[in-house]
Amino acid sequence: MSQAIDVEKIVHAARNSIPLTIKTYTLPHEMEIYLGQVLEIFLKELGQEALKDPLTYCLRELAVNAKKANTKRVYFHEKGLNILDDAQYQAGMEKFKVETLDNIDHWLSLQKEAGFYIKVLFQIRNRNLNLFVCNNAEITQKEQIRVYDRIARSRAFNSLEEALATVLDDSEGAGLGIVIMVLMLKKLGLNEDAFDIDTKNGETIARLSIPMANVKMVNLEALSKKVVEEIESLPNFPENIVLLQQMLSDPDSEITEMARQVSTDPALTADLLKIVNSAQFMLPKKVDNIVEAVKMVGLRGLKNLLYSYGTQKVLGGTDDAKVKVLWTHSYKTAFYAYSLAKNFLRKKEILDDVYVGGILHDMGKIVFFNAHPHLVDKIAQFSKEKEIPGELFEDITAGLNHSQIGALIAEKWNFPEALVHSIRYHHEPHNAPQSSHDVVATVYFANLLANYEEKLVGFDQIDKNVLATFHMQNEEQLQKILGRLAQAFEQET
């Protein structure tokens, strides 16, 4: 039976730099097909479907070699041979290929019983496609030397034909395969540094790292550049919001003056009163006085409210169904981020920042669904002129670049550094500057909790360092905390 493919979950992982792990014990043909389909989706997100065939070959080669390594361990164990002893290794390898191929189901069954597995991990990070093939049979030093010897031999060949015409030692069936893989990487403009194999924590890890900037990225890079250029055409912040921001920055401003200015905008007034009367303030009675409301949220709270309110005014509200879904997710992320910072990090000084960071983290996506059709039209025309496929244009609007685009918009509107960082790095907290680490990590985790709730990510896809920051030791604990947060958010809304 073929593996069912969850396209939405795979696309989400690709777009959000989340690792996607697939585990198998016997690597049946159906699993090889499934791995190829996953790879194709990742490549589509990068606008590099043309790389499907060479990279599918490379991935299959590494996965099959991992399976053979596991089979070899079971075979040597059954034969009572020590794989680390040179003489016994030579004796075992004389019949290994024939005996295992003649009865492969038997040996695969044994290796599954013994707990030997193959794990394949896909991740896009910093515009690199990283593929890791792991198996829990540690490669021996001599096996590793043989692999690197084959890589060294491949430098002598300029084409696949040359390699095929040369007699290579393929007694273990992997010699020519590795050479062909390296030659394929070479054809893509990459050297053997794109491939590595080593051991860590009891696993053999074969890595392929494909830096897309070096592999015919002209179309996607040109499109991204055009998007950034057109951001300049977006309108500035609403005038009344800018005026309020100036008042907040003036130490001589009076709270009553600020309250009067807020009251000139009915929608802003409603938002402010909604926040003050929400569960986070736990007030004994409802507040409907604007001056009191401004005092309650404080100057920093009001300043952050202006960022989220002004952004929604410029980028559009919730009339469009797609935009409504994005804003709903953003407010949920904000609520979760605030609760996490308050109850786990216990850092009052970042509460406002993580809340607004949560609201605004996806503004790069929202900009493409707003009331500014000229921006979309210009980029669509550019795509047509450059013969960039329509689906690639659609993907970039909500795909890998949205965090960078959102951060550029935030910088255009003079957002504070912590908010810019929470937008730019909300998928890659490890890249955030130390000064904004807590804010970024909280927004990242809150966003993934919302995604986990929607079954878009799994527990194993969440950054382990961030889990440790919030004292999450296992999935059961995460589910318990998420249950409380989801219930509180439902009551709040």
Protein backbone atom coordinates (compact mmCIF):
# COMPACT_ATOMS: atom_id res chain seq x y z
CA MET A 1 0.00 0.00 0.00
CA SER A 2 1.37 3.42 -0.95
CA GLN A 3 2.04 6.05 1.69
CA ALA A 4 -0.65 8.77 1.87
CA ILE A 5 0.90 12.16 1.27
CA ASP A 6 -0.19 15.14 3.38
CA VAL A 7 0.65 17.94 0.95
CA GLU A 8 -0.51 20.72 3.27
CA LYS A 9 1.74 19.58 6.11
CA ILE A 10 4.75 19.16 3.80
CA VAL A 11 4.26 22.58 2.20
CA HIS A 12 3.93 24.12 5.66
CA ALA A 13 7.20 22.54 6.77
CA ALA A 14 8.98 23.74 3.61
CA ARG A 15 7.70 27.30 3.86
CA ASN A 16 8.42 27.66 7.55
CA SER A 17 11.93 26.12 7.73
CA ILE A 18 10.58 23.29 9.89
CA PRO A 19 12.37 19.93 9.70
CA LEU A 20 10.24 17.11 8.28
CA THR A 21 11.32 13.62 9.33
CA ILE A 22 10.23 10.34 7.73
CA LYS A 23 11.18 7.03 9.34
CA THR A 24 11.17 3.55 7.83
CA TYR A 25 12.61 0.17 8.81
CA THR A 26 12.74 -1.64 5.48
CA LEU A 27 12.53 1.12 2.82
CA PRO A 28 9.99 -0.60 0.52
CA HIS A 29 9.56 0.68 -3.03
CA GLU A 30 6.43 2.60 -2.00
CA MET A 31 8.50 4.51 0.56
CA GLU A 32 11.07 5.43 -2.09
CA ILE A 33 8.26 6.85 -4.25
CA TYR A 34 6.88 8.75 -1.25
CA LEU A 35 10.29 10.28 -0.46
CA GLY A 36 10.53 11.43 -4.07
CA GLN A 37 7.10 13.10 -3.81
CA VAL A 38 8.12 14.93 -0.63
CA LEU A 39 11.35 16.09 -2.26
CA GLU A 40 9.38 17.35 -5.26
CA ILE A 41 7.15 19.47 -3.01
CA PHE A 42 10.18 21.00 -1.26
CA LEU A 43 11.79 21.78 -4.62
CA LYS A 44 8.58 23.34 -5.91
CA GLU A 45 8.58 25.69 -2.92
CA LEU A 46 12.07 26.74 -3.97
CA GLY A 47 11.08 27.11 -7.61
CA GLN A 48 13.53 24.35 -8.51
CA GLU A 49 11.42 21.46 -9.85
CA ALA A 50 14.08 20.97 -12.53
CA LEU A 51 16.33 19.51 -9.84
CA LYS A 52 13.88 16.71 -9.08
CA ASP A 53 15.50 13.92 -11.08
CA PRO A 54 19.16 14.39 -10.03
CA LEU A 55 18.28 14.99 -6.36
CA THR A 56 15.82 12.09 -6.28
CA TYR A 57 18.64 9.86 -7.48
CA CYS A 58 20.99 11.21 -4.78
CA LEU A 59 18.37 10.78 -2.05
CA ARG A 60 17.55 7.24 -3.17
CA GLU A 61 21.25 6.32 -3.32
CA LEU A 62 21.82 7.47 0.27
CA ALA A 63 18.65 5.79 1.56
CA VAL A 64 19.45 2.46 -0.14
CA ASN A 65 23.02 2.59 1.20
CA ALA A 66 21.64 3.18 4.71
CA LYS A 67 19.37 0.14 4.30
CA LYS A 68 22.30 -1.98 3.08
CA ALA A 69 24.38 -0.87 6.06
CA ASN A 70 21.62 -2.05 8.42
CA THR A 71 21.27 -5.34 6.55
CA LYS A 72 25.03 -5.84 6.76
CA ARG A 73 24.93 -5.49 10.57
CA VAL A 74 22.19 -8.13 10.86
CA TYR A 75 23.95 -10.44 8.41
CA PHE A 76 27.27 -10.26 10.28
CA HIS A 77 25.50 -10.84 13.59
CA GLU A 78 23.68 -13.90 12.24
CA LYS A 79 26.93 -15.28 10.82
CA GLY A 80 28.77 -14.67 14.09
CA LEU A 81 31.29 -12.39 12.39
CA ASN A 82 32.96 -9.28 13.81
CA ILE A 83 32.50 -6.42 11.34
CA LEU A 84 35.47 -4.56 12.87
CA ASP A 85 37.91 -7.43 12.26
CA ASP A 86 39.56 -7.10 8.82
CA ALA A 87 39.77 -10.83 8.09
CA GLN A 88 36.21 -11.54 9.26
CA TYR A 89 34.95 -8.52 7.33
CA GLN A 90 36.50 -9.83 4.10
CA ALA A 91 35.06 -13.29 4.72
CA GLY A 92 31.58 -11.90 5.39
CA MET A 93 31.53 -9.66 2.34
CA GLU A 94 32.38 -12.56 -0.03
CA LYS A 95 28.83 -13.91 0.20
CA PHE A 96 26.93 -10.92 1.65
CA LYS A 97 25.48 -9.65 -1.62
CA VAL A 98 24.41 -13.02 -3.01
CA GLU A 99 22.95 -14.39 0.23
CA THR A 100 21.04 -11.26 1.16
CA LEU A 101 19.63 -10.63 -2.33
CA ASP A 102 18.47 -14.23 -2.63
CA ASN A 103 16.37 -13.89 0.54
CA ILE A 104 16.06 -10.15 1.10
CA ASP A 105 12.67 -10.30 2.88
CA HIS A 106 14.18 -12.51 5.57
CA TRP A 107 17.04 -10.10 6.24
CA LEU A 108 14.80 -7.05 6.18
CA SER A 109 12.51 -8.72 8.68
CA LEU A 110 15.50 -9.42 10.94
CA GLN A 111 16.75 -5.86 10.79
CA LYS A 112 13.29 -4.52 11.65
CA GLU A 113 13.10 -6.89 14.63
CA ALA A 114 16.52 -5.65 15.72
CA GLY A 115 15.25 -2.03 15.62
CA PHE A 116 17.43 -0.84 12.74
CA TYR A 117 15.82 2.12 10.99
CA ILE A 118 16.36 4.69 8.24
CA LYS A 119 15.36 8.29 8.89
CA VAL A 120 15.17 10.90 6.16
CA LEU A 121 14.99 14.56 7.18
CA PHE A 122 14.09 17.45 4.86
CA GLN A 123 14.63 21.08 5.82
CA ILE A 124 15.00 24.43 4.08
CA ARG A 125 17.22 26.75 6.09
CA ASN A 126 18.76 30.02 4.94
CA ARG A 127 17.72 29.17 1.37
CA ASN A 128 19.63 25.89 1.51
CA LEU A 129 17.87 22.57 0.97
CA ASN A 130 19.27 20.15 3.54
CA LEU A 131 18.67 16.41 3.18
CA PHE A 132 19.82 14.07 5.96
CA VAL A 133 19.66 10.29 5.69
CA CYS A 134 20.32 8.63 9.05
CA ASN A 135 20.52 5.02 10.16
CA ASN A 136 21.33 3.61 13.58
CA ALA A 137 24.21 1.41 12.47
CA GLU A 138 27.33 3.47 12.99
CA ILE A 139 29.61 3.54 9.98
CA THR A 140 33.05 2.10 10.77
CA GLN A 141 36.18 4.11 10.14
CA LYS A 142 37.20 1.84 7.27
CA GLU A 143 33.77 2.06 5.65
CA GLN A 144 33.95 5.85 5.88
CA ILE A 145 37.41 5.81 4.29
CA ARG A 146 36.03 3.73 1.42
CA VAL A 147 33.25 6.24 0.82
CA TYR A 148 35.68 9.16 0.74
CA ASP A 149 37.97 7.17 -1.53
CA ARG A 150 35.11 6.84 -4.02
CA ILE A 151 34.43 10.56 -3.77
CA ALA A 152 38.11 11.24 -4.48
CA ARG A 153 38.00 8.92 -7.52
CA SER A 154 35.01 10.83 -8.90
CA ARG A 155 37.18 13.96 -9.28
CA ALA A 156 38.96 12.21 -12.14
CA PHE A 157 35.79 11.94 -14.21
CA ASN A 158 34.19 14.70 -16.24
CA SER A 159 31.07 12.78 -17.22
CA LEU A 160 28.86 9.87 -16.24
CA GLU A 161 30.00 8.06 -19.39
CA GLU A 162 33.62 8.15 -18.20
CA ALA A 163 32.64 6.75 -14.82
CA LEU A 164 30.53 3.97 -16.33
CA ALA A 165 33.32 3.04 -18.73
CA THR A 166 35.80 2.64 -15.89
CA VAL A 167 35.97 -0.55 -13.87
CA LEU A 168 35.29 0.33 -10.26
CA ASP A 169 35.30 -1.79 -7.15
CA ASP A 170 31.60 -2.38 -6.59
CA SER A 171 31.90 -5.41 -4.35
CA GLU A 172 29.57 -3.68 -1.90
CA GLY A 173 27.33 -2.20 -4.55
CA ALA A 174 27.87 1.39 -3.51
CA GLY A 175 31.07 2.37 -5.33
CA LEU A 176 29.63 3.48 -8.65
CA GLY A 177 26.49 4.89 -7.02
CA ILE A 178 28.47 7.34 -4.88
CA VAL A 179 30.57 8.39 -7.88
CA ILE A 180 27.45 9.06 -9.97
CA MET A 181 25.93 11.07 -7.09
CA VAL A 182 29.02 13.29 -6.83
CA LEU A 183 29.05 13.76 -10.62
CA MET A 184 25.39 14.81 -10.52
CA LEU A 185 26.18 17.39 -7.83
CA LYS A 186 29.07 18.58 -9.98
CA LYS A 187 26.70 19.00 -12.92
CA LEU A 188 24.53 21.24 -10.71
CA GLY A 189 27.52 23.49 -10.12
CA LEU A 190 28.33 22.05 -6.68
CA ASN A 191 31.46 20.30 -5.43
CA GLU A 192 31.80 17.34 -3.12
CA ASP A 193 31.47 19.64 -0.09
CA ALA A 194 27.73 19.42 -0.68
CA PHE A 195 27.93 15.82 0.60
CA ASP A 196 29.20 14.54 3.94
CA ILE A 197 28.88 11.38 6.01
CA ASP A 198 29.71 11.00 9.70
CA THR A 199 28.46 9.54 12.99
CA LYS A 200 26.71 11.24 15.87
CA ASN A 201 24.85 9.87 18.90
CA GLY A 202 24.87 6.31 17.59
CA GLU A 203 23.68 7.21 14.08
CA THR A 204 25.37 7.38 10.70
CA ILE A 205 24.32 10.67 9.11
CA ALA A 206 24.70 11.27 5.39
CA ARG A 207 24.09 14.93 4.52
CA LEU A 208 23.32 16.67 1.26
CA SER A 209 23.31 20.46 1.49
CA ILE A 210 22.18 22.26 -1.66
CA PRO A 211 22.76 26.04 -1.55
CA MET A 212 20.06 27.25 -3.91
CA ALA A 213 21.84 30.55 -4.53
CA ASN A 214 24.45 28.50 -6.44
CA VAL A 215 21.98 26.42 -8.43
CA LYS A 216 20.21 28.42 -11.12
CA MET A 217 18.19 30.61 -8.78
CA VAL A 218 17.88 33.50 -11.24
CA ASN A 219 14.09 33.42 -11.56
CA LEU A 220 13.22 33.18 -7.89
CA GLU A 221 15.89 35.65 -6.78
CA ALA A 222 14.77 38.15 -9.43
CA LEU A 223 11.17 37.81 -8.32
CA SER A 224 12.09 38.27 -4.65
CA LYS A 225 14.08 41.38 -5.51
CA LYS A 226 11.12 42.81 -7.41
CA VAL A 227 8.83 42.23 -4.41
CA VAL A 228 11.23 44.13 -2.15
CA GLU A 229 11.42 47.02 -4.63
CA GLU A 230 7.65 47.30 -4.82
CA ILE A 231 7.32 47.43 -1.02
CA GLU A 232 8.37 51.07 -1.34
CA SER A 233 5.05 51.74 -3.06
CA LEU A 234 3.04 50.69 0.00
CA PRO A 235 1.37 53.61 1.81
CA ASN A 236 2.79 55.00 5.03
CA PHE A 237 1.17 54.54 8.41
CA PRO A 238 -2.15 56.39 8.92
CA GLU A 239 -1.59 60.02 9.90
CA ASN A 240 -3.46 59.83 13.20
CA ILE A 241 -1.39 56.79 14.24
CA VAL A 242 1.86 58.60 13.39
CA LEU A 243 0.69 61.62 15.42
CA LEU A 244 -0.08 59.41 18.41
CA GLN A 245 3.33 57.74 18.11
CA GLN A 246 4.97 61.17 18.17
CA MET A 247 2.97 62.11 21.27
CA LEU A 248 4.07 58.89 22.98
CA SER A 249 7.71 59.73 22.22
CA ASP A 250 7.33 63.24 23.69
CA PRO A 251 8.02 63.21 27.47
CA ASP A 252 5.90 66.36 27.87
CA SER A 253 2.75 64.80 26.44
CA GLU A 254 -0.18 64.41 28.83
CA ILE A 255 -2.21 61.20 29.10
CA THR A 256 -5.41 63.21 28.68
CA GLU A 257 -4.11 64.57 25.35
CA MET A 258 -3.29 61.06 24.16
CA ALA A 259 -6.70 59.79 25.26
CA ARG A 260 -8.38 62.63 23.35
CA GLN A 261 -6.42 61.74 20.21
CA VAL A 262 -7.33 58.03 20.57
CA SER A 263 -11.01 58.91 20.91
CA THR A 264 -10.98 60.58 17.47
CA ASP A 265 -10.67 57.10 15.96
CA PRO A 266 -13.71 54.95 16.91
CA ALA A 267 -12.12 51.68 15.75
CA LEU A 268 -8.91 52.33 17.71
CA THR A 269 -10.98 53.27 20.75
CA ALA A 270 -12.90 49.98 20.49
CA ASP A 271 -9.65 47.98 20.22
CA LEU A 272 -8.18 49.73 23.25
CA LEU A 273 -11.26 49.09 25.39
CA LYS A 274 -11.36 45.47 24.23
CA ILE A 275 -7.77 44.92 25.39
CA VAL A 276 -8.27 46.65 28.77
CA ASN A 277 -11.40 44.61 29.47
CA SER A 278 -9.82 41.32 28.41
CA ALA A 279 -8.85 38.51 30.78
CA GLN A 280 -5.20 39.57 30.91
CA PHE A 281 -6.07 42.60 33.09
CA MET A 282 -8.58 40.71 35.32
CA LEU A 283 -10.40 43.91 36.32
CA PRO A 284 -13.29 43.72 38.83
CA LYS A 285 -15.47 45.96 36.64
CA LYS A 286 -15.66 47.03 33.02
CA VAL A 287 -13.69 50.11 31.94
CA ASP A 288 -15.31 52.45 29.41
CA ASN A 289 -13.33 55.64 30.11
CA ILE A 290 -10.60 56.30 27.52
CA VAL A 291 -8.28 58.08 29.96
CA GLU A 292 -8.51 55.15 32.40
CA ALA A 293 -7.96 52.71 29.55
CA VAL A 294 -4.79 54.52 28.44
CA LYS A 295 -3.52 54.47 32.04
CA MET A 296 -4.25 50.75 32.28
CA VAL A 297 -2.35 49.67 29.16
CA GLY A 298 0.49 52.11 29.83
CA LEU A 299 2.53 54.03 27.30
CA ARG A 300 4.34 50.94 26.00
CA GLY A 301 1.12 48.99 25.69
CA LEU A 302 -0.52 51.84 23.79
CA LYS A 303 2.51 52.14 21.50
CA ASN A 304 2.35 48.45 20.66
CA LEU A 305 -1.40 48.65 20.09
CA LEU A 306 -0.73 51.35 17.51
CA TYR A 307 1.65 49.08 15.58
CA SER A 308 -0.89 46.26 15.27
CA TYR A 309 -3.85 48.58 14.69
CA GLY A 310 -2.02 50.69 12.09
CA THR A 311 -0.82 47.58 10.26
CA GLN A 312 -4.33 46.23 10.01
CA LYS A 313 -5.57 49.63 8.74
CA VAL A 314 -2.95 49.65 5.95
CA LEU A 315 -2.89 45.97 5.03
CA GLY A 316 -6.62 45.39 5.18
CA GLY A 317 -9.07 43.98 7.69
CA THR A 318 -10.97 40.71 7.65
CA ASP A 319 -13.36 41.19 4.72
CA ASP A 320 -11.42 38.74 2.54
CA ALA A 321 -11.72 35.11 3.68
CA LYS A 322 -7.97 34.44 3.30
CA VAL A 323 -7.06 37.56 5.23
CA LYS A 324 -9.54 36.66 7.96
CA VAL A 325 -7.88 33.27 8.44
CA LEU A 326 -4.45 34.92 8.65
CA TRP A 327 -5.54 37.52 11.19
CA THR A 328 -7.31 34.87 13.30
CA HIS A 329 -4.11 32.80 13.37
CA SER A 330 -2.11 35.93 14.21
CA TYR A 331 -4.30 36.87 17.17
CA LYS A 332 -4.16 33.32 18.48
CA THR A 333 -0.35 33.38 18.17
CA ALA A 334 -0.30 36.71 20.04
CA PHE A 335 -2.47 35.33 22.86
CA TYR A 336 -0.32 32.20 23.18
CA ALA A 337 2.89 34.25 23.09
CA TYR A 338 1.69 36.57 25.85
CA SER A 339 0.67 33.63 28.05
CA LEU A 340 3.98 31.79 27.46
CA ALA A 341 6.08 34.85 28.32
CA LYS A 342 4.02 35.55 31.41
CA ASN A 343 3.74 32.03 32.83
CA PHE A 344 6.94 30.33 31.66
CA LEU A 345 9.60 32.97 31.08
CA ARG A 346 8.10 35.25 33.76
CA LYS A 347 9.50 38.32 32.01
CA LYS A 348 7.08 41.23 32.26
CA GLU A 349 9.32 43.46 30.19
CA ILE A 350 8.67 41.45 27.00
CA LEU A 351 4.91 40.85 27.39
CA ASP A 352 3.88 43.71 25.11
CA ASP A 353 6.57 42.91 22.53
CA VAL A 354 5.64 39.22 22.19
CA TYR A 355 1.94 40.06 21.96
CA VAL A 356 2.41 42.52 19.11
CA GLY A 357 5.09 40.29 17.55
CA GLY A 358 2.51 37.50 17.50
CA ILE A 359 -0.07 39.71 15.80
CA LEU A 360 2.36 40.94 13.16
CA HIS A 361 4.57 37.89 12.50
CA ASP A 362 2.72 37.00 9.26
CA MET A 363 2.30 40.52 7.89
CA GLY A 364 4.47 39.52 4.91
CA LYS A 365 1.70 37.11 3.88
CA ILE A 366 -1.08 39.58 4.57
CA VAL A 367 0.44 42.23 2.31
CA PHE A 368 -0.37 40.07 -0.72
CA PHE A 369 -4.04 39.74 0.18
CA ASN A 370 -4.67 43.41 0.92
CA ALA A 371 -6.37 46.26 -0.86
CA HIS A 372 -3.32 47.17 -2.96
CA PRO A 373 -3.86 45.32 -6.25
CA HIS A 374 -1.27 47.48 -8.04
CA LEU A 375 1.51 45.76 -6.08
CA VAL A 376 0.32 42.28 -7.04
CA ASP A 377 -0.35 43.36 -10.63
CA LYS A 378 3.17 44.79 -11.07
CA ILE A 379 4.82 41.64 -9.76
CA ALA A 380 2.52 39.42 -11.84
CA GLN A 381 3.50 41.41 -14.96
CA PHE A 382 7.17 41.07 -14.03
CA SER A 383 6.72 37.29 -13.67
CA LYS A 384 5.10 37.10 -17.09
CA GLU A 385 7.91 39.08 -18.74
CA LYS A 386 10.55 36.82 -17.17
CA GLU A 387 8.51 33.67 -18.00
CA ILE A 388 8.25 32.74 -14.31
CA PRO A 389 5.49 30.13 -13.81
CA GLY A 390 2.27 31.50 -12.30
CA GLU A 391 2.28 28.95 -9.49
CA LEU A 392 5.78 30.08 -8.44
CA PHE A 393 4.53 33.67 -8.18
CA GLU A 394 1.60 32.49 -6.06
CA ASP A 395 3.87 30.45 -3.80
CA ILE A 396 6.31 33.26 -3.09
CA THR A 397 3.47 35.53 -1.95
CA ALA A 398 2.84 33.28 1.03
CA GLY A 399 5.93 31.12 0.99
CA LEU A 400 9.52 31.15 2.07
CA ASN A 401 10.17 34.87 1.71
CA HIS A 402 7.20 36.20 3.66
CA SER A 403 9.18 36.69 6.88
CA GLN A 404 11.85 38.72 5.09
CA ILE A 405 9.23 40.75 3.21
CA GLY A 406 7.29 41.39 6.43
CA ALA A 407 10.45 42.57 8.18
CA LEU A 408 11.25 44.98 5.32
CA ILE A 409 7.77 46.48 5.60
CA ALA A 410 8.20 46.81 9.38
CA GLU A 411 11.49 48.63 8.82
CA LYS A 412 9.82 50.95 6.29
CA TRP A 413 7.28 51.86 8.96
CA ASN A 414 10.01 52.39 11.61
CA PHE A 415 8.94 49.56 13.89
CA PRO A 416 11.19 48.95 16.91
CA GLU A 417 14.00 46.42 16.52
CA ALA A 418 12.40 43.69 18.65
CA LEU A 419 9.27 43.67 16.47
CA VAL A 420 11.28 43.65 13.24
CA HIS A 421 13.28 40.68 14.56
CA SER A 422 10.15 38.79 15.69
CA ILE A 423 8.82 39.07 12.12
CA ARG A 424 12.11 38.33 10.30
CA TYR A 425 13.19 35.36 12.44
CA HIS A 426 9.89 33.82 13.56
CA HIS A 427 10.76 30.63 11.61
CA GLU A 428 14.48 30.66 12.48
CA PRO A 429 14.89 31.71 16.13
CA HIS A 430 18.49 30.44 16.12
CA ASN A 431 19.40 33.28 13.73
CA ALA A 432 17.91 36.06 15.87
CA PRO A 433 20.25 38.54 17.59
CA GLN A 434 20.76 37.82 21.29
CA SER A 435 19.08 41.12 22.23
CA SER A 436 15.77 39.85 20.80
CA HIS A 437 16.17 36.15 21.54
CA ASP A 438 13.41 35.82 24.15
CA VAL A 439 10.87 37.76 22.07
CA VAL A 440 11.64 35.82 18.87
CA ALA A 441 11.71 32.41 20.60
CA THR A 442 8.35 33.11 22.24
CA VAL A 443 6.69 34.21 18.98
CA TYR A 444 8.23 31.19 17.17
CA PHE A 445 6.92 28.76 19.80
CA ALA A 446 3.47 30.37 19.97
CA ASN A 447 3.20 30.20 16.17
CA LEU A 448 4.16 26.51 16.14
CA LEU A 449 1.71 25.74 18.97
CA ALA A 450 -1.07 27.21 16.83
CA ASN A 451 0.19 25.16 13.86
CA TYR A 452 0.45 22.00 16.00
CA GLU A 453 -3.15 22.56 17.09
CA GLU A 454 -4.15 22.64 13.41
CA LYS A 455 -2.11 19.45 12.79
CA LEU A 456 0.25 21.27 10.42
CA VAL A 457 3.38 20.27 12.36
CA GLY A 458 4.41 17.43 14.64
CA PHE A 459 6.16 17.59 18.01
CA ASP A 460 9.45 16.38 16.49
CA GLN A 461 9.50 19.42 14.18
CA ILE A 462 9.74 21.97 17.00
CA ASP A 463 13.21 23.34 17.79
CA LYS A 464 14.56 21.38 20.78
CA ASN A 465 16.37 24.39 22.23
CA VAL A 466 13.15 26.40 22.25
CA LEU A 467 11.28 23.50 23.89
CA ALA A 468 13.95 23.49 26.60
CA THR A 469 13.56 27.25 27.09
CA PHE A 470 9.90 26.70 27.93
CA HIS A 471 10.61 23.56 30.00
CA MET A 472 8.72 21.28 27.60
CA GLN A 473 10.18 17.81 28.03
CA ASN A 474 7.73 15.69 26.04
CA GLU A 475 4.71 15.84 23.75
CA GLU A 476 2.24 14.96 26.49
CA GLN A 477 3.33 18.01 28.46
CA LEU A 478 3.01 20.21 25.38
CA GLN A 479 -0.50 18.92 24.68
CA LYS A 480 -1.55 19.65 28.25
CA ILE A 481 -0.28 23.25 28.10
CA LEU A 482 -1.80 23.76 24.63
CA GLY A 483 -5.17 22.52 25.90
CA ARG A 484 -5.17 25.20 28.59
CA LEU A 485 -4.08 27.93 26.18
CA ALA A 486 -6.68 26.95 23.57
CA GLN A 487 -9.46 26.96 26.18
CA ALA A 488 -8.39 30.36 27.52
CA PHE A 489 -8.23 31.79 23.98
CA GLU A 490 -11.71 30.49 23.22
CA GLN A 491 -13.08 32.13 26.36
CA GLU A 492 -11.26 35.36 25.49
CA THR A 493 -12.70 35.55 21.99
